[in-house]
Amino acid sequence: MNESHIINHVPADSLALDANADYGIPWFMRSNYKDDPRYKKIDSDIKPLADQFMRDGFIVLKQDISSPLCEKMVDDFNKFTAANADYFDPHRDEYGYLHRIINLHLALPTVFDVFCSAAVTLRLQDALFGGETSVYTTLYYERGSSQTIHRDTPYFTTRPEYNYFGTWFALEDAHEENGCLEVIRGGHLIPEIDRSKFAADHRQGNQIGAIDPELFDLYQNKVGEMSIDSNLEKVQLPLKKGDVLIWHPQLPHGGSPILNRTLTRHSIVAHTVAAGTPVYQAEAFFNPRASLPGSATWAMAHRNGRHYADHGILDVMHVAPRPVAEFNRID
């Protein structure tokens, strides 16, 4: 095995986590964040990026990954999917493209190399988390997502809460033709609703599952209504190959319609947390006072000095889970 592919497993609770002791909002979401000692410790070149991120709810970091690495990533993706055609081919669309591959980084190390190479991205997130930025899960897209506008937090509910970022890596230019990202600028500042009451009103005592599509949609509709009431604008974000977009845990975002479905739009999404942070889903999001473990219980692995959750499973569209060990690897 190539030495660069060797990973070492460590228990999640051995990772130091500098976070709030309570379940309230993190320091970077507070209106007086500039008075916080953690802000004052941020490097001078990163502070303006942090300010922009906290003002708009997102930031685009131009050319934070190199074009050669983007091209290698796409080439390795094509080689890997060809080497495992029996698994991937049944999930291709009418144009031969794959959509939403979950945790590809566990079987194809180049995905994690892209994440580790984004130096400014990681410096900014490390500063906001107050510790090492790690990967909880990844998504790989060969074409645009066309997702409706939504907040991620019902499916990425951390303890402490809101210690999560979405990070999008453009491996090709993303534009109106192949589908770019859309955001509600400033939507992260819309106050959170009373989630417990919201769930009680719509569930009337019925149990909430970790995955609850109906409640998820009702919540996103409510966020959409609040965005309209706040006169916030939806903006499209065309990006160039090598650009990285980070979005706030509360930012409503999605994907624009694809005007030319014959075009690819290779990209990676990394869902990031401070190393060791536990992540829950709807059962915790709609019950924020629930007593839950404050440290991750899954295995952690590391590569290039960064940790990631090793869930051991690769999936396509959440319908085809397969153990990572069963995939053919590429050199």
C-alpha atoms as a PDB file:
ATOM      1  CA  MET A   1       0.000   0.000   0.000  1.00  0.00           C
ATOM      2  CA  ASN A   2       1.227   3.478  -0.814  1.00  0.00           C
ATOM      3  CA  GLU A   3       2.380   5.136   2.404  1.00  0.00           C
ATOM      4  CA  SER A   4       0.213   8.193   1.716  1.00  0.00           C
ATOM      5  CA  HIS A   5      -2.879   5.993   1.952  1.00  0.00           C
ATOM      6  CA  ILE A   6      -2.132   4.708   5.455  1.00  0.00           C
ATOM      7  CA  ILE A   7      -4.600   5.953   8.052  1.00  0.00           C
ATOM      8  CA  ASN A   8      -4.436   5.604  11.800  1.00  0.00           C
ATOM      9  CA  HIS A   9      -7.601   5.181  13.845  1.00  0.00           C
ATOM     10  CA  VAL A  10      -7.979   7.097  17.082  1.00  0.00           C
ATOM     11  CA  PRO A  11     -10.875   7.241  19.537  1.00  0.00           C
ATOM     12  CA  ALA A  12     -12.948  10.372  18.997  1.00  0.00           C
ATOM     13  CA  ASP A  13     -12.947  11.296  22.674  1.00  0.00           C
ATOM     14  CA  SER A  14      -9.153  11.642  22.628  1.00  0.00           C
ATOM     15  CA  LEU A  15      -9.400  14.758  20.462  1.00  0.00           C
ATOM     16  CA  ALA A  16      -9.336  18.079  22.257  1.00  0.00           C
ATOM     17  CA  LEU A  17     -12.328  20.312  21.584  1.00  0.00           C
ATOM     18  CA  ASP A  18     -12.347  23.991  22.495  1.00  0.00           C
ATOM     19  CA  ALA A  19     -16.055  24.793  22.402  1.00  0.00           C
ATOM     20  CA  ASN A  20     -18.826  26.295  24.534  1.00  0.00           C
ATOM     21  CA  ALA A  21     -19.725  24.334  27.623  1.00  0.00           C
ATOM     22  CA  ASP A  22     -23.418  25.081  27.198  1.00  0.00           C
ATOM     23  CA  TYR A  23     -25.779  24.283  24.331  1.00  0.00           C
ATOM     24  CA  GLY A  24     -26.139  27.905  23.313  1.00  0.00           C
ATOM     25  CA  ILE A  25     -24.923  29.587  20.177  1.00  0.00           C
ATOM     26  CA  PRO A  26     -21.172  29.628  19.477  1.00  0.00           C
ATOM     27  CA  TRP A  27     -19.175  32.802  19.945  1.00  0.00           C
ATOM     28  CA  PHE A  28     -19.028  33.637  16.233  1.00  0.00           C
ATOM     29  CA  MET A  29     -22.841  33.852  16.045  1.00  0.00           C
ATOM     30  CA  ARG A  30     -23.088  36.483  18.764  1.00  0.00           C
ATOM     31  CA  SER A  31     -23.630  40.141  17.885  1.00  0.00           C
ATOM     32  CA  ASN A  32     -20.663  41.178  20.027  1.00  0.00           C
ATOM     33  CA  TYR A  33     -18.314  38.549  18.588  1.00  0.00           C
ATOM     34  CA  LYS A  34     -15.550  41.125  18.101  1.00  0.00           C
ATOM     35  CA  ASP A  35     -15.282  41.462  21.867  1.00  0.00           C
ATOM     36  CA  ASP A  36     -14.592  37.743  22.279  1.00  0.00           C
ATOM     37  CA  PRO A  37     -10.981  36.793  23.096  1.00  0.00           C
ATOM     38  CA  ARG A  38     -11.099  34.157  20.341  1.00  0.00           C
ATOM     39  CA  TYR A  39     -11.759  36.822  17.727  1.00  0.00           C
ATOM     40  CA  LYS A  40      -8.877  38.907  18.989  1.00  0.00           C
ATOM     41  CA  LYS A  41      -6.531  35.937  18.527  1.00  0.00           C
ATOM     42  CA  ILE A  42      -7.386  35.500  14.827  1.00  0.00           C
ATOM     43  CA  ASP A  43      -4.544  36.306  12.421  1.00  0.00           C
ATOM     44  CA  SER A  44      -4.829  39.779  10.872  1.00  0.00           C
ATOM     45  CA  ASP A  45      -5.210  38.428   7.313  1.00  0.00           C
ATOM     46  CA  ILE A  46      -8.044  36.091   8.377  1.00  0.00           C
ATOM     47  CA  LYS A  47     -10.062  38.627  10.402  1.00  0.00           C
ATOM     48  CA  PRO A  48     -11.545  40.416   7.332  1.00  0.00           C
ATOM     49  CA  LEU A  49     -12.654  37.023   5.997  1.00  0.00           C
ATOM     50  CA  ALA A  50     -14.278  36.184   9.330  1.00  0.00           C
ATOM     51  CA  ASP A  51     -16.055  39.554   9.336  1.00  0.00           C
ATOM     52  CA  GLN A  52     -17.385  39.036   5.818  1.00  0.00           C
ATOM     53  CA  PHE A  53     -18.504  35.512   6.660  1.00  0.00           C
ATOM     54  CA  MET A  54     -20.390  36.669   9.754  1.00  0.00           C
ATOM     55  CA  ARG A  55     -21.955  39.584   7.863  1.00  0.00           C
ATOM     56  CA  ASP A  56     -23.196  37.689   4.787  1.00  0.00           C
ATOM     57  CA  GLY A  57     -23.434  34.123   6.097  1.00  0.00           C
ATOM     58  CA  PHE A  58     -21.022  32.828   3.465  1.00  0.00           C
ATOM     59  CA  ILE A  59     -17.694  33.574   1.873  1.00  0.00           C
ATOM     60  CA  VAL A  60     -16.060  32.639  -1.435  1.00  0.00           C
ATOM     61  CA  LEU A  61     -12.318  32.005  -1.238  1.00  0.00           C
ATOM     62  CA  LYS A  62     -10.895  32.399  -4.716  1.00  0.00           C
ATOM     63  CA  GLN A  63      -8.508  29.743  -6.028  1.00  0.00           C
ATOM     64  CA  ASP A  64      -7.948  28.068  -2.662  1.00  0.00           C
ATOM     65  CA  ILE A  65      -7.335  24.744  -4.413  1.00  0.00           C
ATOM     66  CA  SER A  66      -5.059  24.432  -7.425  1.00  0.00           C
ATOM     67  CA  SER A  67      -6.282  23.700 -10.948  1.00  0.00           C
ATOM     68  CA  PRO A  68      -3.945  20.666 -11.294  1.00  0.00           C
ATOM     69  CA  LEU A  69      -5.427  19.139  -8.123  1.00  0.00           C
ATOM     70  CA  CYS A  70      -8.965  19.800  -9.406  1.00  0.00           C
ATOM     71  CA  GLU A  71      -8.082  18.045 -12.650  1.00  0.00           C
ATOM     72  CA  LYS A  72      -6.469  15.121 -10.816  1.00  0.00           C
ATOM     73  CA  MET A  73      -9.590  14.808  -8.653  1.00  0.00           C
ATOM     74  CA  VAL A  74     -11.882  14.556 -11.687  1.00  0.00           C
ATOM     75  CA  ASP A  75      -9.521  12.094 -13.383  1.00  0.00           C
ATOM     76  CA  ASP A  76      -9.312   9.920 -10.254  1.00  0.00           C
ATOM     77  CA  PHE A  77     -13.097  10.057  -9.916  1.00  0.00           C
ATOM     78  CA  ASN A  78     -13.517   8.757 -13.470  1.00  0.00           C
ATOM     79  CA  LYS A  79     -10.963   6.000 -12.886  1.00  0.00           C
ATOM     80  CA  PHE A  80     -12.536   4.957  -9.587  1.00  0.00           C
ATOM     81  CA  THR A  81     -16.104   4.843 -10.899  1.00  0.00           C
ATOM     82  CA  ALA A  82     -14.910   2.864 -13.950  1.00  0.00           C
ATOM     83  CA  ALA A  83     -13.093   0.400 -11.679  1.00  0.00           C
ATOM     84  CA  ASN A  84     -16.370  -0.070  -9.758  1.00  0.00           C
ATOM     85  CA  ALA A  85     -18.790   0.124 -12.669  1.00  0.00           C
ATOM     86  CA  ASP A  86     -20.973  -2.675 -11.294  1.00  0.00           C
ATOM     87  CA  TYR A  87     -21.848  -0.433  -8.358  1.00  0.00           C
ATOM     88  CA  PHE A  88     -21.996   3.008  -9.978  1.00  0.00           C
ATOM     89  CA  ASP A  89     -23.444   2.428 -13.461  1.00  0.00           C
ATOM     90  CA  PRO A  90     -26.998   1.579 -12.285  1.00  0.00           C
ATOM     91  CA  HIS A  91     -27.167   5.023 -10.646  1.00  0.00           C
ATOM     92  CA  ARG A  92     -26.182   7.127 -13.663  1.00  0.00           C
ATOM     93  CA  ASP A  93     -28.738   9.554 -15.068  1.00  0.00           C
ATOM     94  CA  GLU A  94     -29.876   9.730 -18.677  1.00  0.00           C
ATOM     95  CA  TYR A  95     -26.686  11.625 -19.576  1.00  0.00           C
ATOM     96  CA  GLY A  96     -24.429   9.144 -17.826  1.00  0.00           C
ATOM     97  CA  TYR A  97     -23.711  11.312 -14.761  1.00  0.00           C
ATOM     98  CA  LEU A  98     -23.643  10.391 -11.091  1.00  0.00           C
ATOM     99  CA  HIS A  99     -25.324  12.469  -8.413  1.00  0.00           C
ATOM    100  CA  ARG A 100     -24.722  12.728  -4.667  1.00  0.00           C
ATOM    101  CA  ILE A 101     -22.100  10.149  -3.730  1.00  0.00           C
ATOM    102  CA  ILE A 102     -21.839  10.046   0.052  1.00  0.00           C
ATOM    103  CA  ASN A 103     -18.443   9.692   1.761  1.00  0.00           C
ATOM    104  CA  LEU A 104     -16.395   9.040  -1.352  1.00  0.00           C
ATOM    105  CA  HIS A 105     -13.362  10.290   0.585  1.00  0.00           C
ATOM    106  CA  LEU A 106     -13.333   6.999   2.525  1.00  0.00           C
ATOM    107  CA  ALA A 107     -12.529   5.029  -0.645  1.00  0.00           C
ATOM    108  CA  LEU A 108     -10.842   7.650  -2.822  1.00  0.00           C
ATOM    109  CA  PRO A 109      -8.168   9.566  -0.860  1.00  0.00           C
ATOM    110  CA  THR A 110      -7.917  12.367  -3.446  1.00  0.00           C
ATOM    111  CA  VAL A 111     -11.224  13.715  -2.137  1.00  0.00           C
ATOM    112  CA  PHE A 112      -9.692  14.284   1.278  1.00  0.00           C
ATOM    113  CA  ASP A 113      -6.532  15.675  -0.323  1.00  0.00           C
ATOM    114  CA  VAL A 114      -8.667  18.409  -1.902  1.00  0.00           C
ATOM    115  CA  PHE A 115     -10.049  19.279   1.527  1.00  0.00           C
ATOM    116  CA  CYS A 116      -6.598  19.346   3.134  1.00  0.00           C
ATOM    117  CA  SER A 117      -5.123  21.509   0.361  1.00  0.00           C
ATOM    118  CA  ALA A 118      -7.509  24.451   0.945  1.00  0.00           C
ATOM    119  CA  ALA A 119      -5.178  26.387   3.229  1.00  0.00           C
ATOM    120  CA  VAL A 120      -7.163  29.610   3.701  1.00  0.00           C
ATOM    121  CA  THR A 121     -10.419  27.684   4.072  1.00  0.00           C
ATOM    122  CA  LEU A 122      -8.964  25.629   6.890  1.00  0.00           C
ATOM    123  CA  ARG A 123      -7.309  28.560   8.632  1.00  0.00           C
ATOM    124  CA  LEU A 124     -10.625  30.422   8.704  1.00  0.00           C
ATOM    125  CA  GLN A 125     -12.605  27.444   9.985  1.00  0.00           C
ATOM    126  CA  ASP A 126      -9.958  26.529  12.567  1.00  0.00           C
ATOM    127  CA  ALA A 127     -10.155  30.096  13.891  1.00  0.00           C
ATOM    128  CA  LEU A 128     -13.957  30.025  14.152  1.00  0.00           C
ATOM    129  CA  PHE A 129     -14.125  26.540  15.657  1.00  0.00           C
ATOM    130  CA  GLY A 130     -11.276  27.254  18.030  1.00  0.00           C
ATOM    131  CA  GLY A 131      -9.717  23.915  17.138  1.00  0.00           C
ATOM    132  CA  GLU A 132      -8.966  21.495  14.337  1.00  0.00           C
ATOM    133  CA  THR A 133     -11.467  21.450  11.476  1.00  0.00           C
ATOM    134  CA  SER A 134     -12.402  17.885  10.597  1.00  0.00           C
ATOM    135  CA  VAL A 135     -14.717  16.185   8.107  1.00  0.00           C
ATOM    136  CA  TYR A 136     -17.922  14.558   9.303  1.00  0.00           C
ATOM    137  CA  THR A 137     -19.227  13.549   5.861  1.00  0.00           C
ATOM    138  CA  THR A 138     -18.663  14.447   2.200  1.00  0.00           C
ATOM    139  CA  LEU A 139     -20.777  14.548  -0.947  1.00  0.00           C
ATOM    140  CA  TYR A 140     -19.435  14.273  -4.494  1.00  0.00           C
ATOM    141  CA  TYR A 141     -21.447  15.646  -7.427  1.00  0.00           C
ATOM    142  CA  GLU A 142     -20.719  14.987 -11.085  1.00  0.00           C
ATOM    143  CA  ARG A 143     -23.566  17.305 -12.072  1.00  0.00           C
ATOM    144  CA  GLY A 144     -25.398  20.181 -10.395  1.00  0.00           C
ATOM    145  CA  SER A 145     -27.658  19.442  -7.436  1.00  0.00           C
ATOM    146  CA  SER A 146     -30.619  21.769  -8.160  1.00  0.00           C
ATOM    147  CA  GLN A 147     -31.524  21.505  -4.476  1.00  0.00           C
ATOM    148  CA  THR A 148     -34.255  23.732  -3.139  1.00  0.00           C
ATOM    149  CA  ILE A 149     -33.242  26.419  -0.648  1.00  0.00           C
ATOM    150  CA  HIS A 150     -32.750  24.931   2.823  1.00  0.00           C
ATOM    151  CA  ARG A 151     -30.840  25.105   6.086  1.00  0.00           C
ATOM    152  CA  ASP A 152     -28.566  22.173   6.933  1.00  0.00           C
ATOM    153  CA  THR A 153     -29.006  22.244  10.692  1.00  0.00           C
ATOM    154  CA  PRO A 154     -31.859  19.682  10.997  1.00  0.00           C
ATOM    155  CA  TYR A 155     -29.487  17.050   9.552  1.00  0.00           C
ATOM    156  CA  PHE A 156     -26.269  18.386  11.115  1.00  0.00           C
ATOM    157  CA  THR A 157     -27.185  19.180  14.713  1.00  0.00           C
ATOM    158  CA  THR A 158     -24.037  19.405  16.804  1.00  0.00           C
ATOM    159  CA  ARG A 159     -23.434  19.486  20.531  1.00  0.00           C
ATOM    160  CA  PRO A 160     -22.740  22.290  21.324  1.00  0.00           C
ATOM    161  CA  GLU A 161     -25.162  23.524  18.668  1.00  0.00           C
ATOM    162  CA  TYR A 162     -24.261  25.263  15.381  1.00  0.00           C
ATOM    163  CA  ASN A 163     -20.608  24.161  15.447  1.00  0.00           C
ATOM    164  CA  TYR A 164     -20.808  23.098  11.809  1.00  0.00           C
ATOM    165  CA  PHE A 165     -19.920  24.550   8.396  1.00  0.00           C
ATOM    166  CA  GLY A 166     -20.738  23.568   4.843  1.00  0.00           C
ATOM    167  CA  THR A 167     -17.752  23.755   2.498  1.00  0.00           C
ATOM    168  CA  TRP A 168     -18.148  23.530  -1.287  1.00  0.00           C
ATOM    169  CA  PHE A 169     -15.190  22.928  -3.610  1.00  0.00           C
ATOM    170  CA  ALA A 170     -15.526  23.821  -7.299  1.00  0.00           C
ATOM    171  CA  LEU A 171     -13.656  21.234  -9.376  1.00  0.00           C
ATOM    172  CA  GLU A 172     -15.037  22.834 -12.561  1.00  0.00           C
ATOM    173  CA  ASP A 173     -16.523  26.245 -13.289  1.00  0.00           C
ATOM    174  CA  ALA A 174     -20.069  26.479 -11.903  1.00  0.00           C
ATOM    175  CA  HIS A 175     -22.410  28.807 -13.765  1.00  0.00           C
ATOM    176  CA  GLU A 176     -25.984  29.284 -14.917  1.00  0.00           C
ATOM    177  CA  GLU A 177     -25.740  26.600 -17.613  1.00  0.00           C
ATOM    178  CA  ASN A 178     -24.527  23.701 -15.434  1.00  0.00           C
ATOM    179  CA  GLY A 179     -26.078  24.901 -12.175  1.00  0.00           C
ATOM    180  CA  CYS A 180     -24.436  27.104  -9.555  1.00  0.00           C
ATOM    181  CA  LEU A 181     -25.095  27.610  -5.870  1.00  0.00           C
ATOM    182  CA  GLU A 182     -27.830  29.885  -4.556  1.00  0.00           C
ATOM    183  CA  VAL A 183     -27.935  31.507  -1.123  1.00  0.00           C
ATOM    184  CA  ILE A 184     -30.184  33.821   0.852  1.00  0.00           C
ATOM    185  CA  ARG A 185     -27.674  36.525   1.688  1.00  0.00           C
ATOM    186  CA  GLY A 186     -28.018  37.379   5.374  1.00  0.00           C
ATOM    187  CA  GLY A 187     -30.438  34.500   5.987  1.00  0.00           C
ATOM    188  CA  HIS A 188     -28.223  33.189   8.768  1.00  0.00           C
ATOM    189  CA  LEU A 189     -29.378  36.172  10.864  1.00  0.00           C
ATOM    190  CA  ILE A 190     -33.047  35.148  10.770  1.00  0.00           C
ATOM    191  CA  PRO A 191     -33.807  34.137  14.388  1.00  0.00           C
ATOM    192  CA  GLU A 192     -34.311  30.452  15.072  1.00  0.00           C
ATOM    193  CA  ILE A 193     -37.886  29.396  15.715  1.00  0.00           C
ATOM    194  CA  ASP A 194     -39.037  27.597  18.869  1.00  0.00           C
ATOM    195  CA  ARG A 195     -38.169  24.167  17.508  1.00  0.00           C
ATOM    196  CA  SER A 196     -39.725  22.143  20.321  1.00  0.00           C
ATOM    197  CA  LYS A 197     -43.051  23.945  19.967  1.00  0.00           C
ATOM    198  CA  PHE A 198     -42.874  23.703  16.168  1.00  0.00           C
ATOM    199  CA  ALA A 199     -42.398  19.941  16.373  1.00  0.00           C
ATOM    200  CA  ALA A 200     -45.120  19.558  18.992  1.00  0.00           C
ATOM    201  CA  ASP A 201     -47.583  21.532  16.850  1.00  0.00           C
ATOM    202  CA  HIS A 202     -46.923  19.351  13.806  1.00  0.00           C
ATOM    203  CA  ARG A 203     -46.249  16.000  15.451  1.00  0.00           C
ATOM    204  CA  GLN A 204     -48.797  16.136  18.293  1.00  0.00           C
ATOM    205  CA  GLY A 205     -46.850  13.763  20.505  1.00  0.00           C
ATOM    206  CA  ASN A 206     -45.631  11.418  17.773  1.00  0.00           C
ATOM    207  CA  GLN A 207     -41.996  10.418  17.915  1.00  0.00           C
ATOM    208  CA  ILE A 208     -39.503  12.275  15.717  1.00  0.00           C
ATOM    209  CA  GLY A 209     -37.078  10.117  13.783  1.00  0.00           C
ATOM    210  CA  ALA A 210     -33.495  11.004  12.946  1.00  0.00           C
ATOM    211  CA  ILE A 211     -34.612  11.413   9.325  1.00  0.00           C
ATOM    212  CA  ASP A 212     -37.995  13.142   9.200  1.00  0.00           C
ATOM    213  CA  PRO A 213     -38.624  14.459   5.658  1.00  0.00           C
ATOM    214  CA  GLU A 214     -42.085  15.865   6.426  1.00  0.00           C
ATOM    215  CA  LEU A 215     -40.936  17.882   9.433  1.00  0.00           C
ATOM    216  CA  PHE A 216     -37.787  18.912   7.549  1.00  0.00           C
ATOM    217  CA  ASP A 217     -39.887  20.321   4.691  1.00  0.00           C
ATOM    218  CA  LEU A 218     -42.252  22.138   7.051  1.00  0.00           C
ATOM    219  CA  TYR A 219     -39.295  23.753   8.811  1.00  0.00           C
ATOM    220  CA  GLN A 220     -37.670  24.808   5.518  1.00  0.00           C
ATOM    221  CA  ASN A 221     -40.973  26.306   4.358  1.00  0.00           C
ATOM    222  CA  LYS A 222     -41.094  28.335   7.566  1.00  0.00           C
ATOM    223  CA  VAL A 223     -37.521  29.571   7.033  1.00  0.00           C
ATOM    224  CA  GLY A 224     -38.482  30.536   3.473  1.00  0.00           C
ATOM    225  CA  GLU A 225     -41.459  32.538   4.717  1.00  0.00           C
ATOM    226  CA  MET A 226     -39.252  34.338   7.236  1.00  0.00           C
ATOM    227  CA  SER A 227     -36.727  35.145   4.490  1.00  0.00           C
ATOM    228  CA  ILE A 228     -39.454  36.746   2.390  1.00  0.00           C
ATOM    229  CA  ASP A 229     -40.796  38.662   5.387  1.00  0.00           C
ATOM    230  CA  SER A 230     -37.266  39.967   6.038  1.00  0.00           C
ATOM    231  CA  ASN A 231     -36.907  41.169   2.414  1.00  0.00           C
ATOM    232  CA  LEU A 232     -33.757  39.092   1.937  1.00  0.00           C
ATOM    233  CA  GLU A 233     -32.506  38.395  -1.565  1.00  0.00           C
ATOM    234  CA  LYS A 234     -31.628  35.081  -3.175  1.00  0.00           C
ATOM    235  CA  VAL A 235     -28.374  35.372  -5.078  1.00  0.00           C
ATOM    236  CA  GLN A 236     -26.640  32.992  -7.450  1.00  0.00           C
ATOM    237  CA  LEU A 237     -22.920  32.412  -6.981  1.00  0.00           C
ATOM    238  CA  PRO A 238     -21.102  31.483 -10.195  1.00  0.00           C
ATOM    239  CA  LEU A 239     -17.699  30.120  -9.170  1.00  0.00           C
ATOM    240  CA  LYS A 240     -14.477  29.236 -10.961  1.00  0.00           C
ATOM    241  CA  LYS A 241     -12.573  25.976 -10.792  1.00  0.00           C
ATOM    242  CA  GLY A 242     -10.506  26.067  -7.606  1.00  0.00           C
ATOM    243  CA  ASP A 243     -12.853  28.380  -5.677  1.00  0.00           C
ATOM    244  CA  VAL A 244     -14.177  27.338  -2.269  1.00  0.00           C
ATOM    245  CA  LEU A 245     -17.449  28.472  -0.702  1.00  0.00           C
ATOM    246  CA  ILE A 246     -18.069  28.215   3.042  1.00  0.00           C
ATOM    247  CA  TRP A 247     -21.585  28.685   4.369  1.00  0.00           C
ATOM    248  CA  HIS A 248     -22.772  29.429   7.896  1.00  0.00           C
ATOM    249  CA  PRO A 249     -24.718  26.641   9.679  1.00  0.00           C
ATOM    250  CA  GLN A 250     -27.879  28.787   9.536  1.00  0.00           C
ATOM    251  CA  LEU A 251     -27.538  30.036   5.945  1.00  0.00           C
ATOM    252  CA  PRO A 252     -30.401  29.036   3.618  1.00  0.00           C
ATOM    253  CA  HIS A 253     -28.789  27.750   0.406  1.00  0.00           C
ATOM    254  CA  GLY A 254     -29.404  25.443  -2.534  1.00  0.00           C
ATOM    255  CA  GLY A 255     -28.620  24.857  -6.195  1.00  0.00           C
ATOM    256  CA  SER A 256     -29.908  26.745  -9.229  1.00  0.00           C
ATOM    257  CA  PRO A 257     -31.782  24.964 -12.047  1.00  0.00           C
ATOM    258  CA  ILE A 258     -29.539  23.264 -14.622  1.00  0.00           C
ATOM    259  CA  LEU A 259     -30.141  24.856 -18.016  1.00  0.00           C
ATOM    260  CA  ASN A 260     -27.936  22.437 -19.972  1.00  0.00           C
ATOM    261  CA  ARG A 261     -28.080  18.936 -18.511  1.00  0.00           C
ATOM    262  CA  THR A 262     -25.442  17.632 -20.901  1.00  0.00           C
ATOM    263  CA  LEU A 263     -22.801  19.542 -18.915  1.00  0.00           C
ATOM    264  CA  THR A 264     -20.936  18.211 -15.910  1.00  0.00           C
ATOM    265  CA  ARG A 265     -20.301  20.221 -12.751  1.00  0.00           C
ATOM    266  CA  HIS A 266     -17.853  18.243 -10.653  1.00  0.00           C
ATOM    267  CA  SER A 267     -17.800  19.437  -7.056  1.00  0.00           C
ATOM    268  CA  ILE A 268     -17.290  18.281  -3.491  1.00  0.00           C
ATOM    269  CA  VAL A 269     -19.188  19.254  -0.367  1.00  0.00           C
ATOM    270  CA  ALA A 270     -17.521  18.692   3.003  1.00  0.00           C
ATOM    271  CA  HIS A 271     -19.626  18.921   6.154  1.00  0.00           C
ATOM    272  CA  THR A 272     -17.118  20.088   8.725  1.00  0.00           C
ATOM    273  CA  VAL A 273     -17.034  20.198  12.510  1.00  0.00           C
ATOM    274  CA  ALA A 274     -14.335  20.697  15.124  1.00  0.00           C
ATOM    275  CA  ALA A 275     -12.619  17.331  15.627  1.00  0.00           C
ATOM    276  CA  GLY A 276     -14.499  15.218  18.153  1.00  0.00           C
ATOM    277  CA  THR A 277     -17.812  17.107  17.867  1.00  0.00           C
ATOM    278  CA  PRO A 278     -20.881  14.825  17.866  1.00  0.00           C
ATOM    279  CA  VAL A 279     -23.477  15.294  15.125  1.00  0.00           C
ATOM    280  CA  TYR A 280     -27.152  14.409  15.458  1.00  0.00           C
ATOM    281  CA  GLN A 281     -30.180  14.889  13.237  1.00  0.00           C
ATOM    282  CA  ALA A 282     -33.849  15.787  13.490  1.00  0.00           C
ATOM    283  CA  GLU A 283     -34.406  13.996  16.796  1.00  0.00           C
ATOM    284  CA  ALA A 284     -31.949  16.450  18.401  1.00  0.00           C
ATOM    285  CA  PHE A 285     -32.689  19.514  16.289  1.00  0.00           C
ATOM    286  CA  PHE A 286     -36.373  19.546  17.204  1.00  0.00           C
ATOM    287  CA  ASN A 287     -35.581  18.729  20.835  1.00  0.00           C
ATOM    288  CA  PRO A 288     -32.675  21.073  21.636  1.00  0.00           C
ATOM    289  CA  ARG A 289     -32.970  20.454  25.369  1.00  0.00           C
ATOM    290  CA  ALA A 290     -32.443  16.708  24.988  1.00  0.00           C
ATOM    291  CA  SER A 291     -29.567  15.329  27.045  1.00  0.00           C
ATOM    292  CA  LEU A 292     -27.146  13.774  24.541  1.00  0.00           C
ATOM    293  CA  PRO A 293     -23.473  12.754  24.635  1.00  0.00           C
ATOM    294  CA  GLY A 294     -21.165  15.713  24.132  1.00  0.00           C
ATOM    295  CA  SER A 295     -18.474  13.790  22.235  1.00  0.00           C
ATOM    296  CA  ALA A 296     -18.506  11.765  19.022  1.00  0.00           C
ATOM    297  CA  THR A 297     -18.880   7.991  19.305  1.00  0.00           C
ATOM    298  CA  TRP A 298     -17.685   6.960  15.833  1.00  0.00           C
ATOM    299  CA  ALA A 299     -14.181   5.964  14.782  1.00  0.00           C
ATOM    300  CA  MET A 300     -11.901   8.723  13.573  1.00  0.00           C
ATOM    301  CA  ALA A 301      -9.111   8.451  11.023  1.00  0.00           C
ATOM    302  CA  HIS A 302      -6.550  10.953   9.828  1.00  0.00           C
ATOM    303  CA  ARG A 303      -4.623  11.808   6.700  1.00  0.00           C
ATOM    304  CA  ASN A 304      -2.379  14.767   5.891  1.00  0.00           C
ATOM    305  CA  GLY A 305      -2.658  15.933   9.502  1.00  0.00           C
ATOM    306  CA  ARG A 306      -6.469  16.223   9.470  1.00  0.00           C
ATOM    307  CA  HIS A 307      -9.137  13.971  10.974  1.00  0.00           C
ATOM    308  CA  TYR A 308     -12.329  12.618   9.480  1.00  0.00           C
ATOM    309  CA  ALA A 309     -15.160  10.430  10.736  1.00  0.00           C
ATOM    310  CA  ASP A 310     -14.712   6.900   9.439  1.00  0.00           C
ATOM    311  CA  HIS A 311     -18.271   5.673   8.939  1.00  0.00           C
ATOM    312  CA  GLY A 312     -17.030   2.736   6.863  1.00  0.00           C
ATOM    313  CA  ILE A 313     -19.824   3.037   4.264  1.00  0.00           C
ATOM    314  CA  LEU A 314     -20.022   4.631   0.818  1.00  0.00           C
ATOM    315  CA  ASP A 315     -23.460   5.388  -0.619  1.00  0.00           C
ATOM    316  CA  VAL A 316     -25.163   6.861  -3.689  1.00  0.00           C
ATOM    317  CA  MET A 317     -28.315   8.927  -3.232  1.00  0.00           C
ATOM    318  CA  HIS A 318     -28.811   7.299   0.195  1.00  0.00           C
ATOM    319  CA  VAL A 319     -30.156   4.157  -1.493  1.00  0.00           C
ATOM    320  CA  ALA A 320     -27.086   1.947  -2.063  1.00  0.00           C
ATOM    321  CA  PRO A 321     -24.865   1.649   1.039  1.00  0.00           C
ATOM    322  CA  ARG A 322     -21.815  -0.564   0.591  1.00  0.00           C
ATOM    323  CA  PRO A 323     -18.852  -1.182   2.917  1.00  0.00           C
ATOM    324  CA  VAL A 324     -15.808   0.760   1.773  1.00  0.00           C
ATOM    325  CA  ALA A 325     -13.658  -2.391   1.945  1.00  0.00           C
ATOM    326  CA  GLU A 326     -15.642  -3.912  -0.950  1.00  0.00           C
ATOM    327  CA  PHE A 327     -14.579  -1.293  -3.513  1.00  0.00           C
ATOM    328  CA  ASN A 328     -11.751  -1.709  -5.983  1.00  0.00           C
ATOM    329  CA  ARG A 329      -9.067   0.924  -5.375  1.00  0.00           C
ATOM    330  CA  ILE A 330      -7.034   2.798  -7.955  1.00  0.00           C
ATOM    331  CA  ASP A 331      -3.280   3.452  -7.848  1.00  0.00           C
END
